[in-house]
Amino acid sequence: MMVLTRSFREIVAERAAREPEFREALLEEAVSLLVTGDVQTGKAMLRDLINATMGFEALARATGTPSKSLMRMFGPKGNPTANKLFAVLQAVQKSEGIELTVSAAR
């Protein structure tokens, strides 16, 4: 049995630091999960992305929401309002220099 020496969060952070495409894919997948109803997993992915990139302090400045409130919102029991969630998504997109678009599929 192989023992992991680093946490999953550390591995994600290291890969996110190296690969802009990975950060973009994390954001896309998190939003896709939120839209399809898997809110817990979507929030967890967003939390990991935020931790690996801009951090909650910078996000707090960008959104005007205290960092502790943001951390709670993306925690297991958090329930962000639509306004707060969209403000976070906007800030993360701006920080990453990407723009998500929505398309319909059958």
C-alpha atoms as a PDB file:
ATOM      1  CA  MET A   1       0.000   0.000   0.000  1.00  0.00           C
ATOM      2  CA  MET A   2       1.373   3.389  -0.996  1.00  0.00           C
ATOM      3  CA  VAL A   3       1.210   6.159   1.585  1.00  0.00           C
ATOM      4  CA  LEU A   4       0.484   9.702   0.436  1.00  0.00           C
ATOM      5  CA  THR A   5       3.019  12.180   1.746  1.00  0.00           C
ATOM      6  CA  ARG A   6       1.168  15.342   0.708  1.00  0.00           C
ATOM      7  CA  SER A   7      -2.429  16.379   1.160  1.00  0.00           C
ATOM      8  CA  PHE A   8      -4.788  16.560  -1.791  1.00  0.00           C
ATOM      9  CA  ARG A   9      -5.140  20.308  -1.191  1.00  0.00           C
ATOM     10  CA  GLU A  10      -1.358  20.739  -1.520  1.00  0.00           C
ATOM     11  CA  ILE A  11      -1.308  18.768  -4.757  1.00  0.00           C
ATOM     12  CA  VAL A  12      -4.152  20.857  -6.204  1.00  0.00           C
ATOM     13  CA  ALA A  13      -2.456  24.109  -5.127  1.00  0.00           C
ATOM     14  CA  GLU A  14       0.858  23.101  -6.698  1.00  0.00           C
ATOM     15  CA  ARG A  15      -0.745  22.085  -9.972  1.00  0.00           C
ATOM     16  CA  ALA A  16      -2.905  25.225 -10.026  1.00  0.00           C
ATOM     17  CA  ALA A  17       0.207  27.361  -9.517  1.00  0.00           C
ATOM     18  CA  ARG A  18       1.857  25.758 -12.560  1.00  0.00           C
ATOM     19  CA  GLU A  19      -1.047  25.329 -14.970  1.00  0.00           C
ATOM     20  CA  PRO A  20      -3.501  28.075 -15.953  1.00  0.00           C
ATOM     21  CA  GLU A  21      -5.483  25.471 -17.919  1.00  0.00           C
ATOM     22  CA  PHE A  22      -5.946  23.445 -14.739  1.00  0.00           C
ATOM     23  CA  ARG A  23      -7.269  26.504 -12.875  1.00  0.00           C
ATOM     24  CA  GLU A  24      -9.691  27.201 -15.708  1.00  0.00           C
ATOM     25  CA  ALA A  25     -10.852  23.576 -15.747  1.00  0.00           C
ATOM     26  CA  LEU A  26     -11.424  23.670 -11.962  1.00  0.00           C
ATOM     27  CA  LEU A  27     -13.570  26.781 -12.300  1.00  0.00           C
ATOM     28  CA  GLU A  28     -15.549  25.341 -15.220  1.00  0.00           C
ATOM     29  CA  GLU A  29     -16.180  22.088 -13.379  1.00  0.00           C
ATOM     30  CA  ALA A  30     -17.164  23.852 -10.144  1.00  0.00           C
ATOM     31  CA  VAL A  31     -19.730  25.998 -11.965  1.00  0.00           C
ATOM     32  CA  SER A  32     -21.014  22.997 -13.913  1.00  0.00           C
ATOM     33  CA  LEU A  33     -21.517  21.097 -10.646  1.00  0.00           C
ATOM     34  CA  LEU A  34     -23.360  24.043  -9.089  1.00  0.00           C
ATOM     35  CA  VAL A  35     -25.653  24.413 -12.106  1.00  0.00           C
ATOM     36  CA  THR A  36     -26.470  20.691 -12.188  1.00  0.00           C
ATOM     37  CA  GLY A  37     -27.321  20.589  -8.481  1.00  0.00           C
ATOM     38  CA  ASP A  38     -24.185  19.132  -6.877  1.00  0.00           C
ATOM     39  CA  VAL A  39     -23.776  22.216  -4.709  1.00  0.00           C
ATOM     40  CA  GLN A  40     -21.545  20.646  -2.043  1.00  0.00           C
ATOM     41  CA  THR A  41     -18.942  19.412  -4.509  1.00  0.00           C
ATOM     42  CA  GLY A  42     -19.110  22.639  -6.525  1.00  0.00           C
ATOM     43  CA  LYS A  43     -18.525  24.724  -3.394  1.00  0.00           C
ATOM     44  CA  ALA A  44     -15.641  22.483  -2.344  1.00  0.00           C
ATOM     45  CA  MET A  45     -13.978  22.857  -5.749  1.00  0.00           C
ATOM     46  CA  LEU A  46     -14.413  26.631  -5.638  1.00  0.00           C
ATOM     47  CA  ARG A  47     -12.923  26.705  -2.133  1.00  0.00           C
ATOM     48  CA  ASP A  48      -9.907  24.695  -3.324  1.00  0.00           C
ATOM     49  CA  LEU A  49      -9.490  26.980  -6.343  1.00  0.00           C
ATOM     50  CA  ILE A  50      -9.706  30.122  -4.211  1.00  0.00           C
ATOM     51  CA  ASN A  51      -7.158  28.724  -1.735  1.00  0.00           C
ATOM     52  CA  ALA A  52      -4.834  27.755  -4.575  1.00  0.00           C
ATOM     53  CA  THR A  53      -5.037  31.077  -6.386  1.00  0.00           C
ATOM     54  CA  MET A  54      -6.118  34.456  -5.055  1.00  0.00           C
ATOM     55  CA  GLY A  55      -6.850  33.406  -1.470  1.00  0.00           C
ATOM     56  CA  PHE A  56      -9.757  34.474   0.709  1.00  0.00           C
ATOM     57  CA  GLU A  57      -8.217  37.793   1.813  1.00  0.00           C
ATOM     58  CA  ALA A  58      -7.896  39.048  -1.781  1.00  0.00           C
ATOM     59  CA  LEU A  59     -11.349  37.667  -2.573  1.00  0.00           C
ATOM     60  CA  ALA A  60     -12.737  39.579   0.410  1.00  0.00           C
ATOM     61  CA  ARG A  61     -11.269  42.818  -0.949  1.00  0.00           C
ATOM     62  CA  ALA A  62     -12.600  42.099  -4.442  1.00  0.00           C
ATOM     63  CA  THR A  63     -16.142  41.284  -3.282  1.00  0.00           C
ATOM     64  CA  GLY A  64     -16.518  43.518  -0.242  1.00  0.00           C
ATOM     65  CA  THR A  65     -17.407  40.469   1.879  1.00  0.00           C
ATOM     66  CA  PRO A  66     -15.358  39.592   4.976  1.00  0.00           C
ATOM     67  CA  SER A  67     -12.992  36.681   4.404  1.00  0.00           C
ATOM     68  CA  LYS A  68     -14.421  34.711   7.331  1.00  0.00           C
ATOM     69  CA  SER A  69     -17.914  35.000   5.814  1.00  0.00           C
ATOM     70  CA  LEU A  70     -16.582  33.785   2.482  1.00  0.00           C
ATOM     71  CA  MET A  71     -14.850  30.824   4.135  1.00  0.00           C
ATOM     72  CA  ARG A  72     -18.088  29.893   5.905  1.00  0.00           C
ATOM     73  CA  MET A  73     -20.094  30.231   2.674  1.00  0.00           C
ATOM     74  CA  PHE A  74     -17.863  27.701   0.943  1.00  0.00           C
ATOM     75  CA  GLY A  75     -17.642  25.367   3.924  1.00  0.00           C
ATOM     76  CA  PRO A  76     -19.700  22.168   4.227  1.00  0.00           C
ATOM     77  CA  LYS A  77     -22.631  23.921   5.934  1.00  0.00           C
ATOM     78  CA  GLY A  78     -22.358  27.182   3.995  1.00  0.00           C
ATOM     79  CA  ASN A  79     -25.202  28.442   1.860  1.00  0.00           C
ATOM     80  CA  PRO A  80     -24.118  31.431  -0.228  1.00  0.00           C
ATOM     81  CA  THR A  81     -26.803  33.700  -1.616  1.00  0.00           C
ATOM     82  CA  ALA A  82     -26.954  34.076  -5.375  1.00  0.00           C
ATOM     83  CA  ASN A  83     -25.607  37.641  -5.101  1.00  0.00           C
ATOM     84  CA  LYS A  84     -22.581  36.509  -3.076  1.00  0.00           C
ATOM     85  CA  LEU A  85     -21.935  33.466  -5.259  1.00  0.00           C
ATOM     86  CA  PHE A  86     -22.028  35.498  -8.477  1.00  0.00           C
ATOM     87  CA  ALA A  87     -19.789  38.167  -6.952  1.00  0.00           C
ATOM     88  CA  VAL A  88     -17.264  35.446  -6.105  1.00  0.00           C
ATOM     89  CA  LEU A  89     -17.474  33.937  -9.587  1.00  0.00           C
ATOM     90  CA  GLN A  90     -16.955  37.367 -11.128  1.00  0.00           C
ATOM     91  CA  ALA A  91     -13.929  38.062  -8.902  1.00  0.00           C
ATOM     92  CA  VAL A  92     -12.353  34.678  -9.631  1.00  0.00           C
ATOM     93  CA  GLN A  93     -12.836  35.118 -13.376  1.00  0.00           C
ATOM     94  CA  LYS A  94     -11.270  38.572 -13.224  1.00  0.00           C
ATOM     95  CA  SER A  95      -8.357  37.277 -11.158  1.00  0.00           C
ATOM     96  CA  GLU A  96      -7.738  34.454 -13.624  1.00  0.00           C
ATOM     97  CA  GLY A  97      -8.283  36.581 -16.734  1.00  0.00           C
ATOM     98  CA  ILE A  98     -10.990  34.323 -18.106  1.00  0.00           C
ATOM     99  CA  GLU A  99     -14.656  34.715 -18.921  1.00  0.00           C
ATOM    100  CA  LEU A 100     -17.096  31.848 -18.525  1.00  0.00           C
ATOM    101  CA  THR A 101     -19.980  31.605 -20.950  1.00  0.00           C
ATOM    102  CA  VAL A 102     -23.180  29.591 -20.743  1.00  0.00           C
ATOM    103  CA  SER A 103     -24.568  27.462 -23.545  1.00  0.00           C
ATOM    104  CA  ALA A 104     -27.527  25.149 -23.771  1.00  0.00           C
ATOM    105  CA  ALA A 105     -27.133  21.469 -24.644  1.00  0.00           C
ATOM    106  CA  ARG A 106     -29.617  18.682 -25.213  1.00  0.00           C
END
